[in-house]
Protein backbone atom coordinates (compact mmCIF):
# COMPACT_ATOMS: atom_id res chain seq x y z
CA MET A 1 15.38 152.72 144.54
CA ARG A 2 17.51 152.43 147.68
CA ASN A 3 16.33 151.08 150.97
CA SER A 4 16.61 153.51 153.86
CA ASN A 5 19.38 151.45 155.47
CA GLU A 6 21.66 151.49 152.39
CA GLN A 7 24.78 153.68 152.49
CA SER A 8 27.51 154.45 150.01
CA MET A 9 30.78 152.57 150.34
CA LYS A 10 32.56 155.86 151.12
CA ASP A 11 30.19 156.59 154.03
CA VAL A 12 30.62 153.08 155.42
CA LEU A 13 34.43 153.26 155.21
CA MET A 14 34.55 156.70 156.83
CA ALA A 15 32.31 155.49 159.66
CA LEU A 16 34.54 152.45 160.14
CA LEU A 17 37.69 154.59 160.28
CA LYS A 18 36.09 156.88 162.86
CA ALA A 19 34.82 153.97 164.93
CA TYR A 20 38.31 152.44 165.15
CA ARG A 21 39.89 155.89 165.62
CA ILE A 22 42.31 155.42 162.74
CA GLU A 23 40.96 158.12 160.44
CA SER A 24 43.81 160.54 161.25
CA GLY A 25 46.47 157.92 160.56
CA VAL A 26 44.93 156.93 157.24
CA ASN A 27 44.61 160.59 156.20
CA THR A 28 48.25 161.23 157.18
CA ALA A 29 49.34 158.25 155.07
CA MET A 30 47.36 159.58 152.08
CA ILE A 31 49.03 163.00 152.40
CA GLU A 32 52.49 161.44 152.76
CA ALA A 33 51.93 159.29 149.67
CA SER A 34 50.99 162.34 147.58
CA TRP A 35 53.40 164.87 149.12
CA LEU A 36 56.05 164.66 146.37
CA LYS A 37 53.44 165.07 143.63
CA MET A 38 51.69 167.98 145.38
CA MET A 39 54.70 169.93 146.64
CA GLY A 40 57.59 169.00 144.37
CA LYS A 41 60.98 167.36 144.79
CA THR A 42 62.76 170.13 146.75
CA ILE A 43 60.07 170.54 149.40
CA ALA A 44 59.57 166.78 149.72
CA LYS A 45 63.32 166.27 150.20
CA HIS A 46 63.41 168.73 153.12
CA THR A 47 60.20 167.52 154.78
CA THR A 48 61.20 165.21 157.62
CA GLU A 49 57.80 164.67 159.23
CA ILE A 50 54.14 164.94 158.21
CA GLN A 51 51.42 164.46 160.78
CA LEU A 52 47.69 165.21 160.70
CA ARG A 53 45.84 165.58 164.00
CA GLU A 54 42.29 166.88 164.26
CA LYS A 55 42.46 168.61 160.86
CA THR A 56 45.75 170.35 161.75
CA LEU A 57 48.68 169.44 159.53
CA PHE A 58 52.07 169.49 161.29
CA LEU A 59 55.11 169.67 159.01
CA LYS A 60 58.73 169.42 160.09
CA ILE A 61 61.08 171.10 157.60
CA ASP A 62 64.87 170.79 157.99
CA ALA A 63 65.88 173.90 155.98
CA PRO A 64 65.30 177.26 157.75
CA ALA A 65 64.90 179.29 154.54
CA LEU A 66 62.39 176.82 153.13
CA ARG A 67 60.57 176.70 156.47
CA HIS A 68 60.13 180.47 156.27
CA GLU A 69 58.91 180.34 152.66
CA LEU A 70 56.38 177.63 153.48
CA SER A 71 55.14 179.51 156.53
CA LEU A 72 54.10 182.27 154.12
CA ALA A 73 52.24 179.74 151.95
CA LYS A 74 50.23 177.88 154.61
CA GLU A 75 46.89 178.72 153.02
CA LYS A 76 48.06 177.47 149.63
CA ILE A 77 49.32 174.20 151.16
CA LYS A 78 45.97 173.69 152.89
CA ASN A 79 44.03 174.40 149.70
CA ASN A 80 46.26 172.11 147.59
CA ILE A 81 45.73 169.18 149.96
CA ASN A 82 41.97 169.69 150.23
CA GLU A 83 41.69 169.97 146.44
CA GLU A 84 43.86 166.89 145.85
CA PHE A 85 41.63 164.69 148.00
CA LYS A 86 38.36 166.52 147.25
CA MET A 87 37.52 166.70 150.96
CA ASP A 88 38.12 168.98 153.90
CA LEU A 89 41.14 167.23 155.44
CA VAL A 90 43.13 170.25 156.65
CA ASN A 91 41.93 173.40 158.39
CA GLU A 92 45.31 174.64 159.64
CA VAL A 93 49.00 174.12 158.83
CA VAL A 94 51.74 174.30 161.48
CA ILE A 95 55.35 174.35 160.27
CA ARG A 96 58.24 173.54 162.61
């Protein structure tokens, strides 16, 4: 039986990240590390910047045609990321 002051390691780490205000940076790094696997070689090659701020994912894409295609698939991108990490990381995707 657990004492009332015991917490899971995940809860402790998340609280620590929030306390030091580095949660967004860590989440961005996790997305960047998995971007090639999640989105494929072509999209990863043309992605010049990935940034997560307050559950909004900002992507900078250097190919106009690909930028347009991805703007039509924002919901799918959001769902893929949230499924990959099994948590609600992204609520909105902005493509520039």
